[in-house]
């Protein structure tokens, strides 16, 4: 039963990639050493209830050098490294996350 479940998940992932995820960015353009700008939605939390608001309204930009790109279908990740005020900052982004607004390769 577990093998059948894993096969079903794999098929669903392939279908999702074909339908709407590839349009977000062309994977072939992503290479280590490239400079990328990633814009992400920020989810606000209501201070009274502690719940996330349904419509993210703010966008945060993170720009840096691609240090790692992990190709794993719908679970593909990209690691961006930048230095801000003398401090090295690394962030890992799920490429196909609904919180990613856009990815630009500069």
N, C-alpha and C. Protein backbone atom coordinates (compact mmCIF):
# COMPACT_ATOMS: atom_id res chain seq x y z
N UNK A 1 0.82 -1.19 0.00
CA UNK A 1 0.00 0.00 0.00
C UNK A 1 0.87 1.26 0.00
N UNK A 2 2.01 1.21 0.69
CA UNK A 2 2.89 2.37 0.75
C UNK A 2 3.46 2.69 -0.62
N UNK A 3 3.84 1.66 -1.38
CA UNK A 3 4.39 1.89 -2.71
C UNK A 3 3.35 2.53 -3.62
N UNK A 4 2.13 2.09 -3.51
CA UNK A 4 1.05 2.66 -4.32
C UNK A 4 0.83 4.12 -3.97
N UNK A 5 0.88 4.43 -2.69
CA UNK A 5 0.71 5.81 -2.23
C UNK A 5 1.84 6.70 -2.75
N UNK A 6 3.08 6.22 -2.67
CA UNK A 6 4.23 7.00 -3.16
C UNK A 6 4.14 7.21 -4.67
N UNK A 7 3.69 6.20 -5.40
CA UNK A 7 3.54 6.32 -6.85
C UNK A 7 2.48 7.36 -7.19
N UNK A 8 1.39 7.36 -6.44
CA UNK A 8 0.32 8.33 -6.64
C UNK A 8 0.82 9.76 -6.39
N UNK A 9 1.58 9.95 -5.32
CA UNK A 9 2.13 11.27 -5.00
C UNK A 9 3.08 11.73 -6.10
N UNK A 10 3.92 10.83 -6.60
CA UNK A 10 4.86 11.17 -7.67
C UNK A 10 4.11 11.61 -8.92
N UNK A 11 3.04 10.92 -9.27
CA UNK A 11 2.25 11.30 -10.45
C UNK A 11 1.59 12.66 -10.27
N UNK A 12 1.09 12.93 -9.08
CA UNK A 12 0.46 14.23 -8.81
C UNK A 12 1.50 15.33 -8.92
N UNK A 13 2.71 15.10 -8.39
CA UNK A 13 3.77 16.10 -8.47
C UNK A 13 4.12 16.41 -9.92
N UNK A 14 4.23 15.38 -10.75
CA UNK A 14 4.56 15.59 -12.16
C UNK A 14 3.48 16.41 -12.85
N UNK A 15 2.22 16.10 -12.58
CA UNK A 15 1.12 16.85 -13.19
C UNK A 15 1.15 18.31 -12.77
N UNK A 16 1.39 18.56 -11.49
CA UNK A 16 1.44 19.94 -11.01
C UNK A 16 2.57 20.72 -11.66
N UNK A 17 3.73 20.09 -11.81
CA UNK A 17 4.86 20.77 -12.45
C UNK A 17 4.53 21.12 -13.88
N UNK A 18 3.89 20.21 -14.59
CA UNK A 18 3.56 20.46 -15.98
C UNK A 18 2.53 21.57 -16.13
N UNK A 19 1.56 21.64 -15.23
CA UNK A 19 0.47 22.59 -15.38
C UNK A 19 0.87 24.03 -15.14
N UNK A 20 1.29 24.36 -13.93
CA UNK A 20 1.44 25.78 -13.61
C UNK A 20 2.74 26.16 -12.94
N UNK A 21 3.57 25.22 -12.58
CA UNK A 21 4.75 25.58 -11.81
C UNK A 21 5.94 25.96 -12.68
N UNK A 22 6.07 25.36 -13.82
CA UNK A 22 7.20 25.67 -14.68
C UNK A 22 7.13 27.11 -15.16
N UNK A 23 5.94 27.68 -15.26
CA UNK A 23 5.82 29.06 -15.71
C UNK A 23 6.43 30.04 -14.71
N UNK A 24 6.60 29.64 -13.45
CA UNK A 24 7.16 30.55 -12.44
C UNK A 24 8.61 30.87 -12.76
N UNK A 25 9.38 29.89 -13.18
CA UNK A 25 10.78 30.11 -13.56
C UNK A 25 11.26 28.92 -14.38
N UNK A 26 12.14 29.20 -15.31
CA UNK A 26 12.73 28.11 -16.09
C UNK A 26 13.92 27.57 -15.31
N UNK A 27 13.82 26.32 -14.91
CA UNK A 27 14.87 25.71 -14.08
C UNK A 27 16.24 25.72 -14.75
N UNK A 28 16.26 25.69 -16.06
CA UNK A 28 17.54 25.59 -16.76
C UNK A 28 18.37 26.86 -16.61
N UNK A 29 17.75 27.98 -16.30
CA UNK A 29 18.48 29.24 -16.14
C UNK A 29 19.20 29.33 -14.79
N UNK A 30 18.79 28.53 -13.83
CA UNK A 30 19.36 28.62 -12.48
C UNK A 30 20.67 27.85 -12.44
N UNK A 31 21.76 28.57 -12.11
CA UNK A 31 23.08 27.95 -11.98
C UNK A 31 23.79 28.57 -10.79
N UNK A 32 24.69 27.81 -10.20
CA UNK A 32 25.47 28.34 -9.09
C UNK A 32 26.33 29.50 -9.58
N UNK A 33 26.41 30.54 -8.77
CA UNK A 33 27.21 31.71 -9.12
C UNK A 33 26.40 32.82 -9.75
N UNK A 34 25.20 32.52 -10.23
CA UNK A 34 24.33 33.57 -10.78
C UNK A 34 23.78 34.44 -9.65
N UNK A 35 23.45 35.67 -10.00
CA UNK A 35 22.81 36.57 -9.04
C UNK A 35 21.31 36.47 -9.26
N UNK A 36 20.56 36.30 -8.18
CA UNK A 36 19.11 36.15 -8.28
C UNK A 36 18.41 37.12 -7.35
N UNK A 37 17.22 37.54 -7.76
CA UNK A 37 16.36 38.38 -6.92
C UNK A 37 15.05 37.61 -6.74
N UNK A 38 14.74 37.32 -5.48
CA UNK A 38 13.53 36.57 -5.16
C UNK A 38 12.59 37.46 -4.37
N UNK A 39 11.36 37.56 -4.85
CA UNK A 39 10.33 38.33 -4.15
C UNK A 39 9.35 37.35 -3.52
N UNK A 40 9.14 37.51 -2.22
CA UNK A 40 8.24 36.61 -1.49
C UNK A 40 7.13 37.40 -0.81
N UNK A 41 5.99 36.75 -0.68
CA UNK A 41 4.88 37.34 0.06
C UNK A 41 5.15 37.18 1.55
N UNK A 42 4.84 38.20 2.32
CA UNK A 42 4.93 38.12 3.77
C UNK A 42 3.53 37.89 4.32
N UNK A 43 3.39 36.87 5.12
CA UNK A 43 2.09 36.61 5.73
C UNK A 43 2.02 37.33 7.06
N UNK A 44 0.99 38.12 7.21
CA UNK A 44 0.79 38.85 8.46
C UNK A 44 -0.02 38.00 9.43
N UNK A 45 0.30 38.14 10.70
CA UNK A 45 -0.40 37.41 11.75
C UNK A 45 -1.20 38.40 12.58
N UNK A 46 -2.46 38.08 12.79
CA UNK A 46 -3.33 38.93 13.60
C UNK A 46 -2.87 38.84 15.06
N UNK A 47 -2.51 39.97 15.68
CA UNK A 47 -1.99 39.92 17.06
C UNK A 47 -3.02 39.45 18.08
N UNK A 48 -4.29 39.63 17.80
CA UNK A 48 -5.34 39.24 18.75
C UNK A 48 -5.59 37.73 18.74
N UNK A 49 -5.69 37.16 17.54
CA UNK A 49 -6.03 35.74 17.44
C UNK A 49 -4.83 34.85 17.17
N UNK A 50 -3.75 35.41 16.64
CA UNK A 50 -2.57 34.62 16.30
C UNK A 50 -2.71 33.87 15.00
N UNK A 51 -3.77 34.15 14.23
CA UNK A 51 -4.00 33.47 12.96
C UNK A 51 -3.38 34.25 11.82
N UNK A 52 -2.98 33.51 10.77
CA UNK A 52 -2.42 34.15 9.59
C UNK A 52 -3.54 34.75 8.76
N UNK A 53 -3.29 35.95 8.22
CA UNK A 53 -4.28 36.56 7.34
C UNK A 53 -4.27 35.83 6.00
N UNK A 54 -5.44 35.75 5.37
CA UNK A 54 -5.56 34.95 4.15
C UNK A 54 -4.88 35.59 2.94
N UNK A 55 -4.88 36.91 2.84
CA UNK A 55 -4.29 37.57 1.69
C UNK A 55 -2.99 38.26 2.07
N UNK A 56 -1.85 37.68 1.66
CA UNK A 56 -0.59 38.38 1.95
C UNK A 56 -0.49 39.65 1.12
N UNK A 57 -0.20 40.77 1.76
CA UNK A 57 -0.22 42.04 1.05
C UNK A 57 1.16 42.63 0.85
N UNK A 58 2.13 42.24 1.65
CA UNK A 58 3.47 42.81 1.55
C UNK A 58 4.40 41.85 0.81
N UNK A 59 5.33 42.45 0.07
CA UNK A 59 6.31 41.65 -0.67
C UNK A 59 7.70 42.02 -0.17
N UNK A 60 8.52 41.01 0.11
CA UNK A 60 9.89 41.21 0.55
C UNK A 60 10.83 40.74 -0.55
N UNK A 61 11.88 41.51 -0.82
CA UNK A 61 12.85 41.17 -1.85
C UNK A 61 14.16 40.72 -1.20
N UNK A 62 14.71 39.63 -1.72
CA UNK A 62 16.00 39.12 -1.25
C UNK A 62 16.86 38.90 -2.48
N UNK A 63 18.02 39.53 -2.51
CA UNK A 63 18.91 39.44 -3.66
C UNK A 63 20.27 38.93 -3.21
N UNK A 64 20.83 38.00 -3.97
CA UNK A 64 22.14 37.47 -3.62
C UNK A 64 22.64 36.48 -4.65
N UNK A 65 23.71 35.80 -4.31
CA UNK A 65 24.35 34.84 -5.21
C UNK A 65 23.80 33.44 -4.91
N UNK A 66 23.49 32.71 -5.97
CA UNK A 66 23.01 31.34 -5.82
C UNK A 66 24.19 30.46 -5.44
N UNK A 67 24.11 29.83 -4.28
CA UNK A 67 25.19 28.95 -3.84
C UNK A 67 24.84 27.48 -4.00
N UNK A 68 23.55 27.17 -4.06
CA UNK A 68 23.15 25.78 -4.22
C UNK A 68 21.77 25.72 -4.86
N UNK A 69 21.57 24.75 -5.74
CA UNK A 69 20.28 24.53 -6.37
C UNK A 69 19.99 23.04 -6.31
N UNK A 70 18.95 22.66 -5.60
CA UNK A 70 18.60 21.27 -5.41
C UNK A 70 17.36 20.97 -6.25
N UNK A 71 17.53 20.15 -7.28
CA UNK A 71 16.42 19.78 -8.16
C UNK A 71 15.73 18.53 -7.60
N UNK A 72 14.50 18.71 -7.17
CA UNK A 72 13.75 17.59 -6.60
C UNK A 72 12.27 17.71 -6.96
N UNK A 73 12.00 18.03 -8.22
CA UNK A 73 10.61 18.16 -8.65
C UNK A 73 9.92 19.31 -7.94
N UNK A 74 8.78 19.02 -7.36
CA UNK A 74 8.01 20.07 -6.69
C UNK A 74 8.70 20.55 -5.42
N UNK A 75 9.64 19.78 -4.90
CA UNK A 75 10.37 20.15 -3.68
C UNK A 75 11.72 20.81 -3.97
N UNK A 76 11.92 21.33 -5.18
CA UNK A 76 13.19 21.97 -5.55
C UNK A 76 13.44 23.19 -4.67
N UNK A 77 14.71 23.34 -4.26
CA UNK A 77 15.09 24.47 -3.41
C UNK A 77 16.26 25.22 -4.03
N UNK A 78 16.41 26.46 -3.60
CA UNK A 78 17.51 27.30 -4.04
C UNK A 78 18.06 28.00 -2.80
N UNK A 79 19.40 27.99 -2.66
CA UNK A 79 20.04 28.65 -1.53
C UNK A 79 20.70 29.92 -2.04
N UNK A 80 20.34 31.05 -1.44
CA UNK A 80 20.86 32.36 -1.83
C UNK A 80 21.73 32.88 -0.69
N UNK A 81 22.88 33.43 -1.05
CA UNK A 81 23.83 33.95 -0.08
C UNK A 81 24.08 35.43 -0.39
N UNK A 82 24.05 36.26 0.64
CA UNK A 82 24.40 37.67 0.45
C UNK A 82 25.06 38.19 1.72
N UNK A 83 25.80 39.28 1.55
CA UNK A 83 26.45 39.92 2.69
C UNK A 83 25.81 41.27 2.89
N UNK A 84 25.28 41.49 4.09
CA UNK A 84 24.62 42.74 4.43
C UNK A 84 25.26 43.31 5.69
N UNK A 85 25.83 44.49 5.56
CA UNK A 85 26.49 45.17 6.68
C UNK A 85 27.55 44.29 7.34
N UNK A 86 28.30 43.57 6.49
CA UNK A 86 29.38 42.74 6.98
C UNK A 86 28.97 41.40 7.54
N UNK A 87 27.69 41.08 7.48
CA UNK A 87 27.18 39.81 8.01
C UNK A 87 26.68 38.95 6.85
N UNK A 88 27.13 37.71 6.81
CA UNK A 88 26.70 36.80 5.75
C UNK A 88 25.32 36.24 6.08
N UNK A 89 24.42 36.32 5.10
CA UNK A 89 23.05 35.83 5.28
C UNK A 89 22.77 34.78 4.21
N UNK A 90 22.27 33.62 4.64
CA UNK A 90 21.88 32.56 3.71
C UNK A 90 20.41 32.25 3.93
N UNK A 91 19.70 32.12 2.82
CA UNK A 91 18.29 31.72 2.90
C UNK A 91 18.03 30.62 1.90
N UNK A 92 17.18 29.71 2.28
CA UNK A 92 16.78 28.63 1.40
C UNK A 92 15.32 28.84 1.05
N UNK A 93 15.02 28.81 -0.25
CA UNK A 93 13.66 29.04 -0.73
C UNK A 93 13.16 27.79 -1.46
N UNK A 94 11.92 27.41 -1.21
CA UNK A 94 11.24 26.41 -2.03
C UNK A 94 10.77 27.12 -3.29
N UNK A 95 11.26 26.71 -4.44
CA UNK A 95 10.98 27.43 -5.68
C UNK A 95 9.49 27.47 -5.97
N UNK A 96 8.79 26.37 -5.74
CA UNK A 96 7.39 26.28 -6.12
C UNK A 96 6.43 26.58 -4.97
N UNK A 97 6.93 27.24 -3.93
CA UNK A 97 6.08 27.63 -2.81
C UNK A 97 5.07 28.69 -3.27
N UNK A 98 3.85 28.64 -2.77
CA UNK A 98 2.88 29.69 -3.12
C UNK A 98 3.27 31.05 -2.54
N UNK A 99 4.22 31.09 -1.61
CA UNK A 99 4.66 32.36 -1.04
C UNK A 99 5.71 33.06 -1.91
N UNK A 100 6.21 32.39 -2.94
CA UNK A 100 7.17 33.01 -3.86
C UNK A 100 6.38 33.80 -4.90
N UNK A 101 6.64 35.10 -4.97
CA UNK A 101 5.97 35.96 -5.95
C UNK A 101 6.68 35.86 -7.29
N UNK A 102 8.01 36.02 -7.29
CA UNK A 102 8.76 35.93 -8.54
C UNK A 102 10.22 35.63 -8.25
N UNK A 103 10.89 35.07 -9.26
CA UNK A 103 12.33 34.80 -9.20
C UNK A 103 12.93 35.37 -10.47
N UNK A 104 13.92 36.24 -10.30
CA UNK A 104 14.60 36.82 -11.45
C UNK A 104 16.07 36.42 -11.39
N UNK A 105 16.61 36.00 -12.52
CA UNK A 105 18.04 35.74 -12.63
C UNK A 105 18.64 36.97 -13.28
N UNK A 106 19.55 37.64 -12.58
CA UNK A 106 20.13 38.90 -13.07
C UNK A 106 21.42 38.66 -13.82
